[in-house]
Protein backbone atom coordinates (compact mmCIF):
# COMPACT_ATOMS: atom_id res chain seq x y z
CA UNK A 1 21.99 -18.37 21.72
CA UNK A 2 21.54 -15.18 19.17
CA UNK A 3 24.65 -13.94 18.22
CA UNK A 4 25.78 -10.15 18.04
CA UNK A 5 25.88 -10.39 14.40
CA UNK A 6 22.08 -11.22 14.06
CA UNK A 7 20.93 -9.65 17.13
CA UNK A 8 17.62 -8.01 16.18
CA UNK A 9 16.54 -4.60 17.19
CA UNK A 10 13.21 -2.93 17.38
CA UNK A 11 14.35 -0.42 14.36
CA UNK A 12 15.40 -3.80 12.36
CA UNK A 13 11.51 -4.93 13.08
CA UNK A 14 10.14 -1.99 12.08
CA UNK A 15 11.94 -1.57 8.61
CA UNK A 16 10.71 -4.78 7.98
CA UNK A 17 7.13 -3.93 9.09
CA UNK A 18 7.52 -1.03 6.66
CA UNK A 19 7.46 -3.62 3.23
CA UNK A 20 3.81 -4.55 4.48
CA UNK A 21 1.08 -2.22 3.09
CA UNK A 22 -2.48 -1.90 3.49
CA UNK A 23 -4.26 -3.22 0.44
CA UNK A 24 -6.96 -0.68 0.06
CA UNK A 25 -4.78 2.41 0.98
CA UNK A 26 -1.35 1.36 -0.50
CA UNK A 27 0.56 2.47 1.88
CA UNK A 28 2.93 0.96 4.35
CA UNK A 29 1.28 -0.01 7.85
CA UNK A 30 4.24 1.74 9.77
CA UNK A 31 3.17 5.07 7.79
CA UNK A 32 -0.53 4.63 8.77
CA UNK A 33 0.11 4.27 12.41
CA UNK A 34 -1.18 0.71 12.36
CA UNK A 35 1.67 -0.64 14.23
CA UNK A 36 0.86 -0.18 18.18
CA UNK A 37 3.96 -1.66 19.66
CA UNK A 38 7.02 -3.70 18.93
CA UNK A 39 8.96 -5.71 21.62
CA UNK A 40 12.08 -7.73 21.14
CA UNK A 41 13.76 -9.96 23.52
CA UNK A 42 16.62 -11.77 22.21
CA UNK A 43 15.27 -13.40 19.27
CA UNK A 44 11.42 -13.30 20.53
CA UNK A 45 9.59 -10.42 19.05
CA UNK A 46 6.04 -9.41 19.87
CA UNK A 47 3.95 -6.98 17.52
CA UNK A 48 0.83 -5.46 18.36
CA UNK A 49 -1.58 -3.97 15.35
CA UNK A 50 -4.30 -1.81 15.60
CA UNK A 51 -6.70 -0.53 12.76
CA UNK A 52 -8.98 2.51 12.55
CA UNK A 53 -12.18 0.57 13.58
CA UNK A 54 -13.15 -2.72 15.09
CA UNK A 55 -15.16 -3.61 11.77
CA UNK A 56 -12.39 -3.20 9.36
CA UNK A 57 -12.79 -6.09 6.70
CA UNK A 58 -11.48 -9.49 7.81
CA UNK A 59 -9.60 -10.24 5.07
CA UNK A 60 -7.71 -7.08 4.84
CA UNK A 61 -7.05 -7.44 8.30
CA UNK A 62 -5.68 -10.98 7.92
CA UNK A 63 -3.63 -9.82 4.88
CA UNK A 64 -1.67 -7.21 6.90
CA UNK A 65 -1.52 -9.40 10.11
CA UNK A 66 -0.04 -12.19 8.18
CA UNK A 67 2.21 -10.34 6.02
CA UNK A 68 3.53 -8.46 9.12
CA UNK A 69 4.63 -12.06 10.72
CA UNK A 70 5.90 -12.99 7.62
CA UNK A 71 8.05 -9.88 7.04
CA UNK A 72 9.50 -10.37 10.57
CA UNK A 73 9.95 -13.80 10.66
CA UNK A 74 11.91 -13.79 7.55
CA UNK A 75 14.50 -11.33 9.53
CA UNK A 76 18.18 -13.05 10.17
CA UNK A 77 18.03 -13.76 14.03
CA UNK A 78 14.20 -14.14 14.29
CA UNK A 79 12.86 -16.73 16.69
CA UNK A 80 9.40 -16.77 17.95
CA UNK A 81 7.37 -14.25 16.39
CA UNK A 82 4.00 -13.31 17.91
CA UNK A 83 1.93 -10.81 15.83
CA UNK A 84 -1.51 -9.91 17.48
CA UNK A 85 -4.24 -7.77 16.11
CA UNK A 86 -5.69 -5.48 18.98
CA UNK A 87 -9.55 -4.08 19.66
CA UNK A 88 -11.02 -6.18 16.20
CA UNK A 89 -14.35 -8.13 16.00
CA UNK A 90 -12.21 -10.95 15.03
CA UNK A 91 -9.37 -10.42 16.90
CA UNK A 92 -9.50 -13.58 18.69
CA UNK A 93 -10.07 -15.83 15.75
CA UNK A 94 -7.27 -14.08 13.67
CA UNK A 95 -4.77 -14.29 16.38
CA UNK A 96 -5.48 -17.74 16.98
CA UNK A 97 -5.25 -18.45 13.46
CA UNK A 98 -2.00 -16.85 13.20
CA UNK A 99 -0.72 -18.70 16.19
CA UNK A 100 -1.69 -22.00 14.90
CA UNK A 101 -0.30 -21.34 11.24
CA UNK A 102 -3.66 -22.16 9.92
CA UNK A 103 -3.67 -19.96 7.10
CA UNK A 104 -6.84 -17.78 5.85
CA UNK A 105 -8.74 -20.80 5.14
CA UNK A 106 -8.04 -22.77 8.03
CA UNK A 107 -8.70 -19.59 10.50
CA UNK A 108 -12.13 -18.41 8.86
CA UNK A 109 -13.50 -21.84 7.78
CA UNK A 110 -16.69 -21.61 5.57
CA UNK A 111 -16.47 -18.18 5.46
CA UNK A 112 -13.09 -17.75 3.78
CA UNK A 113 -13.00 -17.13 -0.19
CA UNK A 114 -11.36 -19.58 -1.77
CA UNK A 115 -8.03 -17.68 -2.21
CA UNK A 116 -6.89 -14.35 -1.26
CA UNK A 117 -4.33 -14.21 -4.26
CA UNK A 118 -7.23 -12.54 -6.27
CA UNK A 119 -8.22 -10.01 -3.82
CA UNK A 120 -4.38 -8.81 -3.16
CA UNK A 121 -4.03 -9.04 -7.09
CA UNK A 122 -7.23 -6.57 -7.30
CA UNK A 123 -5.53 -4.32 -5.17
CA UNK A 124 -2.30 -4.36 -6.66
CA UNK A 125 -3.83 -3.48 -10.04
CA UNK A 126 -5.75 -0.34 -8.10
CA UNK A 127 -1.92 0.19 -6.75
CA UNK A 128 -0.51 0.56 -10.10
CA UNK A 129 -3.28 3.05 -11.40
CA UNK A 130 -2.97 5.17 -8.61
CA UNK A 131 0.76 5.54 -9.00
CA UNK A 132 0.69 5.91 -12.66
CA UNK A 133 -2.10 8.56 -12.25
CA UNK A 134 0.19 10.38 -9.87
CA UNK A 135 3.51 10.21 -12.17
CA UNK A 136 1.24 11.40 -15.19
CA UNK A 137 -0.23 14.16 -13.07
CA UNK A 138 3.43 15.09 -11.87
CA UNK A 139 4.71 15.44 -15.30
CA UNK A 140 1.62 17.64 -16.59
CA UNK A 141 2.10 19.98 -13.58
CA UNK A 142 5.85 20.30 -14.71
CA UNK A 143 4.76 22.22 -17.63
CA UNK A 144 1.21 23.75 -17.34
CA UNK A 145 1.40 24.02 -21.50
CA UNK A 146 1.46 20.06 -22.04
CA UNK A 147 -2.15 18.80 -23.26
CA UNK A 148 -3.35 15.95 -21.12
CA UNK A 149 -3.64 13.89 -24.48
CA UNK A 150 0.37 13.87 -24.61
CA UNK A 151 0.42 11.41 -22.07
CA UNK A 152 -0.56 8.94 -24.61
CA UNK A 153 2.69 9.22 -26.03
CA UNK A 154 4.77 9.29 -23.08
CA UNK A 155 7.20 6.75 -22.08
CA UNK A 156 8.55 5.64 -18.65
CA UNK A 157 12.23 6.68 -19.62
CA UNK A 158 10.47 10.22 -20.11
CA UNK A 159 9.46 10.33 -16.65
CA UNK A 160 11.74 12.21 -13.79
CA UNK A 161 13.80 10.16 -11.47
CA UNK A 162 12.19 10.20 -8.18
CA UNK A 163 10.13 8.57 -5.48
CA UNK A 164 6.75 9.20 -8.12
CA UNK A 165 8.48 7.29 -10.76
CA UNK A 166 10.09 4.76 -8.37
CA UNK A 167 6.82 4.11 -6.91
CA UNK A 168 5.19 3.44 -10.44
CA UNK A 169 7.95 1.12 -11.67
CA UNK A 170 7.68 -1.12 -8.12
CA UNK A 171 4.04 -1.64 -8.76
CA UNK A 172 4.41 -2.36 -12.76
CA UNK A 173 7.06 -5.10 -11.82
CA UNK A 174 4.46 -6.63 -8.85
CA UNK A 175 2.23 -7.16 -11.78
CA UNK A 176 4.58 -8.38 -14.20
CA UNK A 177 4.12 -5.11 -16.42
CA UNK A 178 7.33 -3.85 -18.50
CA UNK A 179 9.31 -1.75 -16.64
CA UNK A 180 11.91 -0.80 -19.63
CA UNK A 181 12.40 3.22 -20.29
CA UNK A 182 10.95 2.51 -23.90
CA UNK A 183 7.16 1.26 -22.53
CA UNK A 184 4.28 3.70 -22.37
CA UNK A 185 3.33 5.09 -19.06
CA UNK A 186 -0.31 5.04 -19.76
CA UNK A 187 -1.89 1.68 -19.60
CA UNK A 188 -5.82 0.67 -19.64
CA UNK A 189 -6.86 -1.63 -16.54
CA UNK A 190 -6.23 -4.87 -18.34
CA UNK A 191 -2.43 -3.69 -19.11
CA UNK A 192 -2.95 -2.87 -22.75
CA UNK A 193 -1.88 0.18 -24.27
CA UNK A 194 -5.14 2.40 -24.93
CA UNK A 195 -5.73 4.08 -28.35
CA UNK A 196 -5.44 7.45 -29.00
CA UNK A 197 -8.76 8.45 -28.67
CA UNK A 198 -9.35 6.69 -25.34
CA UNK A 199 -6.29 8.39 -23.48
CA UNK A 200 -8.44 11.14 -21.93
CA UNK A 201 -10.92 8.57 -20.37
CA UNK A 202 -8.22 6.11 -19.50
CA UNK A 203 -6.56 9.17 -18.08
CA UNK A 204 -9.91 10.32 -16.00
CA UNK A 205 -10.60 6.81 -14.75
CA UNK A 206 -7.00 6.44 -13.54
CA UNK A 207 -7.57 9.96 -11.75
CA UNK A 208 -10.64 8.60 -10.08
CA UNK A 209 -9.16 5.69 -8.82
CA UNK A 210 -6.21 7.38 -7.32
CA UNK A 211 -8.68 10.19 -5.68
CA UNK A 212 -10.60 7.27 -4.07
CA UNK A 213 -7.65 5.69 -2.71
CA UNK A 214 -6.21 8.80 -1.50
CA UNK A 215 -9.28 9.74 0.16
CA UNK A 216 -9.84 6.31 2.03
CA UNK A 217 -6.38 6.71 2.87
CA UNK A 218 -6.88 10.19 4.49
CA UNK A 219 -10.25 8.96 6.15
CA UNK A 220 -8.53 6.37 7.85
CA UNK A 221 -5.97 8.10 9.26
CA UNK A 222 -8.26 10.12 10.76
CA UNK A 223 -10.40 7.40 11.95
CA UNK A 224 -7.31 5.74 13.60
CA UNK A 225 -6.39 8.69 15.53
CA UNK A 226 -9.95 9.58 16.70
CA UNK A 227 -10.01 6.19 18.09
CA UNK A 228 -6.30 5.93 19.63
CA UNK A 229 -5.56 9.68 20.67
CA UNK A 230 -1.69 10.42 20.15
CA UNK A 231 -1.90 7.96 17.39
CA UNK A 232 -1.08 10.59 15.00
CA UNK A 233 2.55 10.80 16.21
CA UNK A 234 3.17 7.25 14.56
CA UNK A 235 2.01 8.49 11.31
CA UNK A 236 4.22 9.44 8.51
CA UNK A 237 2.60 12.89 6.71
CA UNK A 238 1.56 12.57 3.49
CA UNK A 239 2.70 15.09 0.62
CA UNK A 240 0.31 17.91 0.65
CA UNK A 241 -1.52 18.25 -2.36
CA UNK A 242 -1.66 22.09 -1.96
CA UNK A 243 1.95 22.20 -2.30
CA UNK A 244 1.63 21.19 -5.98
CA UNK A 245 0.92 23.40 -8.71
CA UNK A 246 -2.62 23.29 -9.95
CA UNK A 247 -3.41 21.78 -13.55
CA UNK A 248 -4.97 24.75 -15.63
CA UNK A 249 -8.86 24.90 -15.34
CA UNK A 250 -10.67 24.61 -18.67
CA UNK A 251 -14.54 25.92 -18.65
CA UNK A 252 -16.05 24.07 -21.71
CA UNK A 253 -18.67 26.18 -23.47
């Protein structure tokens, strides 16, 4: 019998689910509104997930559903944990595989990739690039007189404390990149420090990645609320771009 000290609550489960991110959008599934329902009965937990469309990539859907089950199962006091994906074209297959603990390859058979590790690492690298760009852009916007080329000499210890810096450090740690204050903020896609003449191009590339991630997140949020009216109440607001001071616009001759 579940003791009072380890009795689960819905809040406990939702907090655990907050550690699960959409690999492409780099946002918690709780913030995106992908958690449809949570039911707790003693040590039994049932979670239902929903996605913006029925044809979201099966490997992404599997990652989120599998990570959600692992996060909840790891909670003290959790017993039987059921995670189900609703309204997806592969819902039956995914839910059956999760229930049988068959793993990705055991669930999808010959359709599965050899491993999801590289897919996860690819999106971790994209998440780092986007977080890096946000931190650098915030630093530039804090003082419009700073030239963009100055980011090449910026160190982690130069960044102000706060959620933007914390997000960058977290994503660097996930990739095994240095997080000490004396490490350069701007890194090339391979983790190396770009030479001075490559700083502008590296920053432009990072900005395009961040815009893509943010644009996809905005689009998917809209699709979810169209598919499930009222789902916007389950979504956490995203920071407004309009609330930030703009970078100076330079018109080149």
